[in-house]
Amino acid sequence: MGLIAGSRYVLNLIIATADINFKWLGRRVILITFLSCITLSFLIIALFHIIGIIKNVEMLVRVLQIGIVCFTAQLYASGAVLSSELYPTAIRNMGYSVVQVSSRIGGILSAYLFYLSSIGDSIPYLLLASLTFITTISFFFTIPETKGKPLNEKMPSKEECIFGNKKKKDIEMSEKESEKMLAD
C-alpha cells in the first residue's frame, strides 16, 4: 500500500528529471499529456461499465483510477506553475487565486458527480471524460507555452488580447451622406 501512496511523488520526480533533461518538455505539453491520459482512463472505465465486464477487470480499473489520481496530482503542480507564469505581474496574484478557488470548487463538486451512477454506472465516467477532453482542447488552443520565456511585466495591448483581434471598422461617409444624415 505504501508503494501506491508514493506513486504520485515518484511521478513528480520523473517529471522534474524530464523537465531538466528535455528542454522541449514544457508545462503546456505536460498538462495536455496528463489531461489526455486522464480522459483516456475515464473512457476505458466507462467502456468497461457499458460492455458489462467491470467485474472481470476490477484490478485494471483500480490501476486506472490510481493513475487518474496520480495524473491529477501532477496537474495541480503544473497548473500552479503555469498560472503564475501566464499572468502579468499586476494581476498575477489575482489570477492565481481564481485558478485555485476554481480548482477547489471543482474538487468539491466532483464528489457529487457519482450520484449520477443511479442513472447508469458509466455516466459519471463519461461526464468526467468529456470535461477533461474539453479542458484538453481548451489548453491546446488557448494556453501558450511559458517554459523558458520571461514573465509578463505589463498588461497586453488590445492587439495581443485573445478577443482583441476583432477591429471595429471605421465608418466612412461621403460628404453627401453626412449632410443627408444631419438633415434628417
N, C-alpha and C. Protein backbone atom coordinates (compact mmCIF):
# COMPACT_ATOMS: atom_id res chain seq x y z
N MET A 1 0.82 -1.19 0.00
CA MET A 1 0.00 0.00 0.00
C MET A 1 0.87 1.26 0.00
N GLY A 2 2.03 1.20 0.63
CA GLY A 2 2.93 2.34 0.66
C GLY A 2 3.44 2.68 -0.72
N LEU A 3 3.57 1.66 -1.57
CA LEU A 3 4.02 1.89 -2.95
C LEU A 3 3.01 2.73 -3.71
N ILE A 4 1.73 2.46 -3.53
CA ILE A 4 0.69 3.21 -4.21
C ILE A 4 0.65 4.65 -3.71
N ALA A 5 0.79 4.84 -2.40
CA ALA A 5 0.74 6.18 -1.83
C ALA A 5 1.91 7.03 -2.31
N GLY A 6 3.05 6.44 -2.55
CA GLY A 6 4.22 7.19 -3.00
C GLY A 6 4.30 7.37 -4.50
N SER A 7 3.36 6.77 -5.24
CA SER A 7 3.46 6.83 -6.70
C SER A 7 3.31 8.25 -7.24
N ARG A 8 2.52 9.08 -6.58
CA ARG A 8 2.40 10.46 -7.08
C ARG A 8 3.70 11.22 -6.89
N TYR A 9 4.45 10.92 -5.83
CA TYR A 9 5.74 11.57 -5.61
C TYR A 9 6.78 11.08 -6.61
N VAL A 10 6.71 9.80 -6.93
CA VAL A 10 7.61 9.24 -7.94
C VAL A 10 7.33 9.88 -9.29
N LEU A 11 6.05 10.06 -9.61
CA LEU A 11 5.66 10.69 -10.87
C LEU A 11 6.16 12.14 -10.92
N ASN A 12 6.06 12.86 -9.81
CA ASN A 12 6.57 14.23 -9.76
C ASN A 12 8.08 14.27 -9.96
N LEU A 13 8.81 13.31 -9.37
CA LEU A 13 10.26 13.25 -9.55
C LEU A 13 10.63 12.93 -10.99
N ILE A 14 9.88 12.04 -11.62
CA ILE A 14 10.14 11.70 -13.03
C ILE A 14 9.93 12.93 -13.91
N ILE A 15 8.86 13.67 -13.67
CA ILE A 15 8.59 14.87 -14.46
C ILE A 15 9.66 15.94 -14.22
N ALA A 16 10.10 16.09 -12.97
CA ALA A 16 11.15 17.07 -12.67
C ALA A 16 12.45 16.71 -13.39
N THR A 17 12.80 15.42 -13.40
CA THR A 17 14.00 14.97 -14.11
C THR A 17 13.86 15.19 -15.61
N ALA A 18 12.71 14.86 -16.15
CA ALA A 18 12.48 15.05 -17.58
C ALA A 18 12.50 16.53 -17.94
N ASP A 19 11.99 17.37 -17.04
CA ASP A 19 11.97 18.81 -17.28
C ASP A 19 13.38 19.37 -17.42
N ILE A 20 14.32 18.83 -16.66
CA ILE A 20 15.70 19.29 -16.72
C ILE A 20 16.40 18.75 -17.98
N ASN A 21 16.17 17.48 -18.29
CA ASN A 21 16.88 16.83 -19.39
C ASN A 21 16.30 17.11 -20.78
N PHE A 22 15.01 17.37 -20.87
CA PHE A 22 14.36 17.60 -22.16
C PHE A 22 13.85 19.03 -22.21
N LYS A 23 14.55 19.88 -22.93
CA LYS A 23 14.22 21.30 -22.98
C LYS A 23 12.88 21.56 -23.67
N TRP A 24 12.46 20.68 -24.56
CA TRP A 24 11.21 20.87 -25.28
C TRP A 24 9.99 20.51 -24.43
N LEU A 25 10.23 19.84 -23.31
CA LEU A 25 9.13 19.39 -22.45
C LEU A 25 8.72 20.53 -21.52
N GLY A 26 7.68 21.26 -21.92
CA GLY A 26 7.23 22.40 -21.15
C GLY A 26 5.96 22.11 -20.37
N ARG A 27 5.49 23.13 -19.69
CA ARG A 27 4.29 22.97 -18.85
C ARG A 27 3.07 22.63 -19.69
N ARG A 28 2.95 23.26 -20.84
CA ARG A 28 1.79 23.02 -21.71
C ARG A 28 1.75 21.57 -22.19
N VAL A 29 2.90 21.05 -22.58
CA VAL A 29 2.98 19.66 -23.05
C VAL A 29 2.61 18.70 -21.92
N ILE A 30 3.13 18.97 -20.72
CA ILE A 30 2.84 18.11 -19.57
C ILE A 30 1.35 18.12 -19.26
N LEU A 31 0.76 19.32 -19.21
CA LEU A 31 -0.67 19.42 -18.89
C LEU A 31 -1.52 18.72 -19.94
N ILE A 32 -1.24 18.94 -21.21
CA ILE A 32 -2.04 18.31 -22.26
C ILE A 32 -1.86 16.80 -22.25
N THR A 33 -0.65 16.32 -22.00
CA THR A 33 -0.41 14.88 -21.94
C THR A 33 -1.18 14.23 -20.80
N PHE A 34 -1.09 14.82 -19.61
CA PHE A 34 -1.77 14.23 -18.47
C PHE A 34 -3.28 14.34 -18.59
N LEU A 35 -3.78 15.46 -19.13
CA LEU A 35 -5.22 15.56 -19.35
C LEU A 35 -5.70 14.52 -20.35
N SER A 36 -4.90 14.25 -21.37
CA SER A 36 -5.26 13.22 -22.35
C SER A 36 -5.26 11.83 -21.70
N CYS A 37 -4.29 11.56 -20.84
CA CYS A 37 -4.24 10.27 -20.14
C CYS A 37 -5.44 10.10 -19.21
N ILE A 38 -5.82 11.18 -18.53
CA ILE A 38 -6.99 11.13 -17.65
C ILE A 38 -8.24 10.86 -18.46
N THR A 39 -8.39 11.57 -19.59
CA THR A 39 -9.56 11.37 -20.45
C THR A 39 -9.63 9.93 -20.95
N LEU A 40 -8.52 9.41 -21.41
CA LEU A 40 -8.48 8.03 -21.90
C LEU A 40 -8.82 7.03 -20.79
N SER A 41 -8.31 7.25 -19.59
CA SER A 41 -8.59 6.35 -18.47
C SER A 41 -10.08 6.36 -18.13
N PHE A 42 -10.67 7.56 -18.10
CA PHE A 42 -12.12 7.65 -17.83
C PHE A 42 -12.92 6.93 -18.91
N LEU A 43 -12.52 7.10 -20.15
CA LEU A 43 -13.25 6.44 -21.24
C LEU A 43 -13.13 4.93 -21.17
N ILE A 44 -11.96 4.42 -20.81
CA ILE A 44 -11.78 2.96 -20.69
C ILE A 44 -12.65 2.41 -19.57
N ILE A 45 -12.68 3.09 -18.44
CA ILE A 45 -13.51 2.63 -17.32
C ILE A 45 -14.99 2.68 -17.71
N ALA A 46 -15.41 3.76 -18.39
CA ALA A 46 -16.80 3.85 -18.84
C ALA A 46 -17.13 2.75 -19.83
N LEU A 47 -16.20 2.43 -20.71
CA LEU A 47 -16.41 1.36 -21.68
C LEU A 47 -16.58 0.01 -20.98
N PHE A 48 -15.79 -0.23 -19.95
CA PHE A 48 -15.95 -1.47 -19.18
C PHE A 48 -17.33 -1.55 -18.55
N HIS A 49 -17.84 -0.42 -18.07
CA HIS A 49 -19.19 -0.40 -17.49
C HIS A 49 -20.25 -0.66 -18.56
N ILE A 50 -20.08 -0.02 -19.71
CA ILE A 50 -21.06 -0.16 -20.78
C ILE A 50 -21.11 -1.59 -21.31
N ILE A 51 -19.94 -2.18 -21.52
CA ILE A 51 -19.87 -3.55 -22.03
C ILE A 51 -20.34 -4.55 -21.00
N GLY A 52 -20.15 -4.21 -19.72
CA GLY A 52 -20.59 -5.10 -18.65
C GLY A 52 -19.52 -6.05 -18.16
N ILE A 53 -18.25 -5.73 -18.42
CA ILE A 53 -17.16 -6.62 -17.99
C ILE A 53 -16.40 -6.03 -16.80
N ILE A 54 -17.03 -5.11 -16.09
CA ILE A 54 -16.36 -4.41 -15.00
C ILE A 54 -15.91 -5.38 -13.90
N LYS A 55 -16.67 -6.43 -13.65
CA LYS A 55 -16.30 -7.41 -12.61
C LYS A 55 -15.09 -8.24 -13.02
N ASN A 56 -14.91 -8.44 -14.31
CA ASN A 56 -13.79 -9.24 -14.80
C ASN A 56 -12.46 -8.48 -14.80
N VAL A 57 -12.53 -7.16 -14.83
CA VAL A 57 -11.31 -6.34 -14.94
C VAL A 57 -11.19 -5.37 -13.76
N GLU A 58 -11.59 -5.81 -12.59
CA GLU A 58 -11.57 -4.92 -11.43
C GLU A 58 -10.17 -4.40 -11.11
N MET A 59 -9.17 -5.26 -11.25
CA MET A 59 -7.81 -4.83 -10.94
C MET A 59 -7.33 -3.75 -11.92
N LEU A 60 -7.63 -3.90 -13.20
CA LEU A 60 -7.26 -2.90 -14.20
C LEU A 60 -7.98 -1.58 -13.92
N VAL A 61 -9.24 -1.65 -13.52
CA VAL A 61 -9.98 -0.44 -13.19
C VAL A 61 -9.34 0.28 -12.00
N ARG A 62 -8.91 -0.47 -11.00
CA ARG A 62 -8.23 0.14 -9.84
C ARG A 62 -6.93 0.80 -10.25
N VAL A 63 -6.18 0.16 -11.12
CA VAL A 63 -4.92 0.73 -11.61
C VAL A 63 -5.20 2.03 -12.39
N LEU A 64 -6.24 2.02 -13.24
CA LEU A 64 -6.60 3.22 -13.98
C LEU A 64 -7.04 4.34 -13.04
N GLN A 65 -7.80 3.99 -12.00
CA GLN A 65 -8.24 5.00 -11.04
C GLN A 65 -7.07 5.58 -10.26
N ILE A 66 -6.13 4.76 -9.88
CA ILE A 66 -4.93 5.25 -9.18
C ILE A 66 -4.11 6.12 -10.13
N GLY A 67 -4.03 5.73 -11.40
CA GLY A 67 -3.35 6.55 -12.39
C GLY A 67 -4.01 7.91 -12.54
N ILE A 68 -5.33 7.95 -12.52
CA ILE A 68 -6.05 9.22 -12.61
C ILE A 68 -5.69 10.11 -11.43
N VAL A 69 -5.63 9.54 -10.24
CA VAL A 69 -5.26 10.31 -9.04
C VAL A 69 -3.84 10.85 -9.17
N CYS A 70 -2.92 10.03 -9.64
CA CYS A 70 -1.53 10.47 -9.81
C CYS A 70 -1.41 11.57 -10.86
N PHE A 71 -2.11 11.41 -11.97
CA PHE A 71 -2.07 12.42 -13.02
C PHE A 71 -2.68 13.74 -12.53
N THR A 72 -3.74 13.64 -11.74
CA THR A 72 -4.38 14.84 -11.21
C THR A 72 -3.46 15.57 -10.25
N ALA A 73 -2.71 14.83 -9.44
CA ALA A 73 -1.75 15.47 -8.53
C ALA A 73 -0.71 16.25 -9.34
N GLN A 74 -0.28 15.70 -10.46
CA GLN A 74 0.67 16.40 -11.32
C GLN A 74 0.03 17.64 -11.93
N LEU A 75 -1.25 17.56 -12.25
CA LEU A 75 -1.95 18.71 -12.83
C LEU A 75 -1.97 19.89 -11.86
N TYR A 76 -2.18 19.60 -10.58
CA TYR A 76 -2.20 20.68 -9.59
C TYR A 76 -0.85 21.40 -9.56
N ALA A 77 0.23 20.63 -9.56
CA ALA A 77 1.57 21.25 -9.51
C ALA A 77 1.87 22.04 -10.79
N SER A 78 1.63 21.43 -11.94
CA SER A 78 1.92 22.11 -13.21
C SER A 78 0.97 23.29 -13.42
N GLY A 79 -0.28 23.13 -13.04
CA GLY A 79 -1.25 24.21 -13.19
C GLY A 79 -0.89 25.42 -12.36
N ALA A 80 -0.37 25.19 -11.16
CA ALA A 80 0.03 26.31 -10.30
C ALA A 80 1.20 27.07 -10.91
N VAL A 81 2.17 26.34 -11.45
CA VAL A 81 3.33 26.99 -12.07
C VAL A 81 2.89 27.73 -13.33
N LEU A 82 2.09 27.08 -14.16
CA LEU A 82 1.65 27.70 -15.41
C LEU A 82 0.83 28.96 -15.14
N SER A 83 -0.08 28.91 -14.19
CA SER A 83 -0.92 30.08 -13.94
C SER A 83 -0.11 31.24 -13.39
N SER A 84 0.90 30.96 -12.58
CA SER A 84 1.71 32.07 -12.06
C SER A 84 2.61 32.66 -13.13
N GLU A 85 2.96 31.89 -14.15
CA GLU A 85 3.79 32.40 -15.24
C GLU A 85 2.97 33.05 -16.34
N LEU A 86 1.71 32.74 -16.41
CA LEU A 86 0.87 33.19 -17.51
C LEU A 86 0.38 34.62 -17.34
N TYR A 87 0.09 35.02 -16.11
CA TYR A 87 -0.48 36.33 -15.85
C TYR A 87 0.59 37.40 -15.69
N PRO A 88 0.30 38.64 -16.13
CA PRO A 88 1.25 39.74 -15.91
C PRO A 88 1.38 40.05 -14.41
N THR A 89 2.45 40.72 -14.05
CA THR A 89 2.74 40.99 -12.65
C THR A 89 1.59 41.70 -11.95
N ALA A 90 0.93 42.62 -12.63
CA ALA A 90 -0.12 43.42 -12.00
C ALA A 90 -1.29 42.57 -11.49
N ILE A 91 -1.58 41.49 -12.15
CA ILE A 91 -2.73 40.66 -11.75
C ILE A 91 -2.36 39.21 -11.47
N ARG A 92 -1.09 38.94 -11.30
CA ARG A 92 -0.63 37.56 -11.11
C ARG A 92 -1.27 36.90 -9.88
N ASN A 93 -1.28 37.59 -8.75
CA ASN A 93 -1.87 37.01 -7.54
C ASN A 93 -3.36 36.80 -7.68
N MET A 94 -4.04 37.73 -8.34
CA MET A 94 -5.48 37.58 -8.54
C MET A 94 -5.77 36.41 -9.47
N GLY A 95 -5.00 36.28 -10.54
CA GLY A 95 -5.18 35.17 -11.47
C GLY A 95 -4.92 33.82 -10.81
N TYR A 96 -3.86 33.76 -10.02
CA TYR A 96 -3.53 32.53 -9.30
C TYR A 96 -4.65 32.18 -8.31
N SER A 97 -5.20 33.19 -7.64
CA SER A 97 -6.29 32.95 -6.69
C SER A 97 -7.53 32.41 -7.39
N VAL A 98 -7.85 32.97 -8.56
CA VAL A 98 -9.01 32.50 -9.31
C VAL A 98 -8.82 31.04 -9.71
N VAL A 99 -7.62 30.69 -10.15
CA VAL A 99 -7.33 29.31 -10.55
C VAL A 99 -7.49 28.37 -9.35
N GLN A 100 -6.95 28.76 -8.20
CA GLN A 100 -7.01 27.90 -7.01
C GLN A 100 -8.44 27.75 -6.49
N VAL A 101 -9.19 28.85 -6.45
CA VAL A 101 -10.58 28.78 -5.98
C VAL A 101 -11.40 27.91 -6.92
N SER A 102 -11.20 28.08 -8.23
CA SER A 102 -11.93 27.28 -9.21
C SER A 102 -11.62 25.80 -9.06
N SER A 103 -10.35 25.47 -8.83
CA SER A 103 -9.99 24.06 -8.68
C SER A 103 -10.57 23.48 -7.40
N ARG A 104 -10.65 24.26 -6.33
CA ARG A 104 -11.24 23.77 -5.08
C ARG A 104 -12.74 23.55 -5.24
N ILE A 105 -13.41 24.48 -5.90
CA ILE A 105 -14.85 24.32 -6.14
C ILE A 105 -15.09 23.08 -7.01
N GLY A 106 -14.27 22.90 -8.03
CA GLY A 106 -14.38 21.70 -8.87
C GLY A 106 -14.15 20.43 -8.08
N GLY A 107 -13.19 20.47 -7.15
CA GLY A 107 -12.93 19.30 -6.29
C GLY A 107 -14.10 18.97 -5.40
N ILE A 108 -14.77 19.99 -4.90
CA ILE A 108 -15.95 19.76 -4.05
C ILE A 108 -17.10 19.20 -4.87
N LEU A 109 -17.35 19.80 -6.02
CA LEU A 109 -18.48 19.36 -6.85
C LEU A 109 -18.27 18.00 -7.49
N SER A 110 -17.03 17.62 -7.72
CA SER A 110 -16.76 16.34 -8.39
C SER A 110 -17.23 15.15 -7.56
N ALA A 111 -17.23 15.28 -6.25
CA ALA A 111 -17.70 14.17 -5.41
C ALA A 111 -19.18 13.87 -5.64
N TYR A 112 -19.93 14.89 -6.01
CA TYR A 112 -21.37 14.71 -6.23
C TYR A 112 -21.70 14.15 -7.60
N LEU A 113 -20.73 14.11 -8.50
CA LEU A 113 -20.98 13.56 -9.83
C LEU A 113 -21.32 12.07 -9.77
N PHE A 114 -20.82 11.39 -8.78
CA PHE A 114 -21.05 9.95 -8.73
C PHE A 114 -22.45 9.59 -8.27
N TYR A 115 -23.26 10.58 -7.88
CA TYR A 115 -24.68 10.32 -7.67
C TYR A 115 -25.38 10.03 -8.99
N LEU A 116 -24.75 10.44 -10.10
CA LEU A 116 -25.30 10.15 -11.41
C LEU A 116 -25.24 8.66 -11.76
N SER A 117 -24.50 7.89 -10.97
CA SER A 117 -24.43 6.45 -11.23
C SER A 117 -25.76 5.76 -10.99
N SER A 118 -26.70 6.44 -10.33
CA SER A 118 -28.04 5.87 -10.17
C SER A 118 -28.75 5.81 -11.53
N ILE A 119 -28.36 6.68 -12.45
CA ILE A 119 -28.91 6.64 -13.81
C ILE A 119 -28.23 5.55 -14.61
N GLY A 120 -26.92 5.49 -14.52
CA GLY A 120 -26.13 4.48 -15.22
C GLY A 120 -24.72 4.52 -14.66
N ASP A 121 -24.11 3.36 -14.51
CA ASP A 121 -22.79 3.29 -13.89
C ASP A 121 -21.71 4.01 -14.70
N SER A 122 -21.91 4.14 -16.00
CA SER A 122 -20.89 4.76 -16.83
C SER A 122 -21.05 6.28 -16.95
N ILE A 123 -22.18 6.82 -16.51
CA ILE A 123 -22.47 8.25 -16.69
C ILE A 123 -21.43 9.15 -16.00
N PRO A 124 -21.06 8.92 -14.74
CA PRO A 124 -20.05 9.80 -14.13
C PRO A 124 -18.72 9.78 -14.87
N TYR A 125 -18.31 8.61 -15.32
CA TYR A 125 -17.04 8.49 -16.03
C TYR A 125 -17.10 9.17 -17.39
N LEU A 126 -18.23 9.04 -18.08
CA LEU A 126 -18.38 9.71 -19.37
C LEU A 126 -18.42 11.22 -19.21
N LEU A 127 -19.08 11.71 -18.16
CA LEU A 127 -19.14 13.14 -17.91
C LEU A 127 -17.74 13.69 -17.57
N LEU A 128 -17.01 12.99 -16.72
CA LEU A 128 -15.66 13.42 -16.38
C LEU A 128 -14.73 13.34 -17.59
N ALA A 129 -14.91 12.33 -18.42
CA ALA A 129 -14.10 12.22 -19.64
C ALA A 129 -14.38 13.39 -20.58
N SER A 130 -15.65 13.75 -20.71
CA SER A 130 -15.99 14.87 -21.59
C SER A 130 -15.45 16.19 -21.03
N LEU A 131 -15.51 16.38 -19.72
CA LEU A 131 -14.97 17.60 -19.12
C LEU A 131 -13.46 17.70 -19.30
N THR A 132 -12.75 16.59 -19.09
CA THR A 132 -11.29 16.64 -19.27
C THR A 132 -10.93 16.78 -20.75
N PHE A 133 -11.74 16.23 -21.64
CA PHE A 133 -11.49 16.40 -23.08
C PHE A 133 -11.65 17.87 -23.48
N ILE A 134 -12.72 18.51 -22.99
CA ILE A 134 -12.94 19.93 -23.28
C ILE A 134 -11.79 20.77 -22.73
N THR A 135 -11.32 20.43 -21.53
CA THR A 135 -10.20 21.13 -20.94
C THR A 135 -8.94 20.95 -21.77
N THR A 136 -8.70 19.74 -22.25
CA THR A 136 -7.54 19.47 -23.09
C THR A 136 -7.57 20.30 -24.36
N ILE A 137 -8.70 20.33 -25.03
CA ILE A 137 -8.84 21.12 -26.26
C ILE A 137 -8.67 22.60 -25.96
N SER A 138 -9.22 23.06 -24.85
CA SER A 138 -9.07 24.47 -24.47
C SER A 138 -7.61 24.83 -24.23
N PHE A 139 -6.90 23.96 -23.52
CA PHE A 139 -5.48 24.20 -23.28
C PHE A 139 -4.71 24.23 -24.58
N PHE A 140 -5.02 23.31 -25.48
CA PHE A 140 -4.29 23.22 -26.73
C PHE A 140 -4.42 24.50 -27.56
N PHE A 141 -5.62 25.07 -27.61
CA PHE A 141 -5.85 26.21 -28.47
C PHE A 141 -5.65 27.57 -27.81
N THR A 142 -5.67 27.65 -26.49
CA THR A 142 -5.62 28.98 -25.87
C THR A 142 -4.41 29.24 -24.98
N ILE A 143 -3.79 28.23 -24.40
CA ILE A 143 -2.71 28.46 -23.44
C ILE A 143 -1.36 28.35 -24.15
N PRO A 144 -0.54 29.41 -24.08
CA PRO A 144 0.78 29.35 -24.70
C PRO A 144 1.79 28.65 -23.79
N GLU A 145 2.90 28.23 -24.36
CA GLU A 145 3.99 27.63 -23.57
C GLU A 145 4.70 28.73 -22.80
N THR A 146 4.98 28.49 -21.53
CA THR A 146 5.63 29.50 -20.69
C THR A 146 7.05 29.13 -20.30
N LYS A 147 7.46 27.90 -20.56
CA LYS A 147 8.79 27.47 -20.14
C LYS A 147 9.87 28.22 -20.93
N GLY A 148 10.82 28.78 -20.19
CA GLY A 148 11.94 29.47 -20.81
C GLY A 148 11.62 30.86 -21.34
N LYS A 149 10.43 31.35 -21.05
CA LYS A 149 10.06 32.69 -21.51
C LYS A 149 9.99 33.62 -20.30
N PRO A 150 10.33 34.89 -20.49
CA PRO A 150 10.28 35.81 -19.35
C PRO A 150 8.84 36.05 -18.90
N LEU A 151 8.70 36.34 -17.62
CA LEU A 151 7.38 36.62 -17.08
C LEU A 151 6.88 37.96 -17.61
N ASN A 152 5.59 38.04 -17.85
CA ASN A 152 5.00 39.29 -18.32
C ASN A 152 5.04 40.32 -17.20
N GLU A 153 5.49 41.52 -17.53
CA GLU A 153 5.55 42.59 -16.55
C GLU A 153 4.43 43.61 -16.74
N LYS A 154 3.78 43.57 -17.90
CA LYS A 154 2.73 44.56 -18.18
C LYS A 154 1.53 43.86 -18.80
N MET A 155 0.42 44.55 -18.76
CA MET A 155 -0.81 44.02 -19.35
C MET A 155 -0.68 44.04 -20.87
N PRO A 156 -1.27 43.06 -21.57
CA PRO A 156 -1.16 43.03 -23.03
C PRO A 156 -1.96 44.17 -23.67
N SER A 157 -1.53 44.59 -24.84
CA SER A 157 -2.26 45.62 -25.58
C SER A 157 -3.50 44.98 -26.20
N LYS A 158 -4.36 45.83 -26.79
CA LYS A 158 -5.58 45.30 -27.39
C LYS A 158 -5.29 44.31 -28.52
N GLU A 159 -4.21 44.54 -29.25
CA GLU A 159 -3.86 43.65 -30.36
C GLU A 159 -3.39 42.29 -29.86
N GLU A 160 -2.83 42.23 -28.66
CA GLU A 160 -2.30 40.99 -28.11
C GLU A 160 -3.36 40.18 -27.36
N CYS A 161 -4.47 40.80 -27.02
CA CYS A 161 -5.52 40.12 -26.26
C CYS A 161 -6.18 39.04 -27.11
N ILE A 162 -6.74 38.05 -26.44
CA ILE A 162 -7.39 36.94 -27.15
C ILE A 162 -8.55 37.46 -28.00
N PHE A 163 -9.36 38.33 -27.40
CA PHE A 163 -10.52 38.84 -28.12
C PHE A 163 -10.25 40.21 -28.75
N GLY A 164 -9.00 40.66 -28.75
CA GLY A 164 -8.65 41.97 -29.27
C GLY A 164 -8.40 41.99 -30.77
N ASN A 165 -8.46 40.85 -31.44
CA ASN A 165 -8.16 40.78 -32.86
C ASN A 165 -9.28 41.35 -33.73
N LYS A 166 -10.46 41.47 -33.17
CA LYS A 166 -11.58 42.00 -33.93
C LYS A 166 -11.53 43.52 -33.87
N LYS A 167 -11.21 44.13 -34.96
CA LYS A 167 -11.13 45.58 -35.01
C LYS A 167 -12.44 46.14 -35.56
N LYS A 168 -12.91 47.17 -34.93
CA LYS A 168 -14.12 47.82 -35.41
C LYS A 168 -13.77 48.61 -36.66
N LYS A 169 -14.62 48.49 -37.63
CA LYS A 169 -14.40 49.21 -38.87
C LYS A 169 -14.81 50.67 -38.69
N ASP A 170 -13.97 51.53 -39.16
CA ASP A 170 -14.31 52.95 -39.12
C ASP A 170 -15.42 53.23 -40.12
N ILE A 171 -16.31 54.08 -39.70
CA ILE A 171 -17.41 54.44 -40.58
C ILE A 171 -16.95 55.61 -41.45
N GLU A 172 -16.93 55.37 -42.71
CA GLU A 172 -16.55 56.42 -43.63
C GLU A 172 -17.77 56.82 -44.44
N MET A 173 -18.07 58.09 -44.38
CA MET A 173 -19.22 58.61 -45.13
C MET A 173 -18.74 59.66 -46.11
N SER A 174 -19.46 59.70 -47.16
CA SER A 174 -19.18 60.78 -48.10
C SER A 174 -19.80 62.06 -47.57
N GLU A 175 -19.45 63.16 -48.16
CA GLU A 175 -19.97 64.45 -47.71
C GLU A 175 -21.48 64.52 -47.88
N LYS A 176 -21.99 63.94 -48.98
CA LYS A 176 -23.43 63.97 -49.23
C LYS A 176 -24.18 63.13 -48.19
N GLU A 177 -23.61 61.96 -47.84
CA GLU A 177 -24.27 61.11 -46.84
C GLU A 177 -24.32 61.79 -45.48
N SER A 178 -23.26 62.48 -45.10
CA SER A 178 -23.24 63.15 -43.81
C SER A 178 -24.21 64.33 -43.77
N GLU A 179 -24.32 65.07 -44.90
CA GLU A 179 -25.29 66.17 -44.95
C GLU A 179 -26.71 65.63 -44.88
N LYS A 180 -26.97 64.49 -45.56
CA LYS A 180 -28.30 63.89 -45.53
C LYS A 180 -28.64 63.43 -44.12
N MET A 181 -27.67 62.87 -43.41
CA MET A 181 -27.87 62.38 -42.05
C MET A 181 -28.16 63.55 -41.10
N LEU A 182 -27.46 64.65 -41.28
CA LEU A 182 -27.68 65.83 -40.44
C LEU A 182 -29.03 66.47 -40.73
N ALA A 183 -29.48 66.39 -41.97
CA ALA A 183 -30.76 66.99 -42.34
C ALA A 183 -31.93 66.22 -41.75
N ASP A 184 -31.77 64.92 -41.57
CA ASP A 184 -32.85 64.10 -41.03
C ASP A 184 -32.91 64.31 -39.58
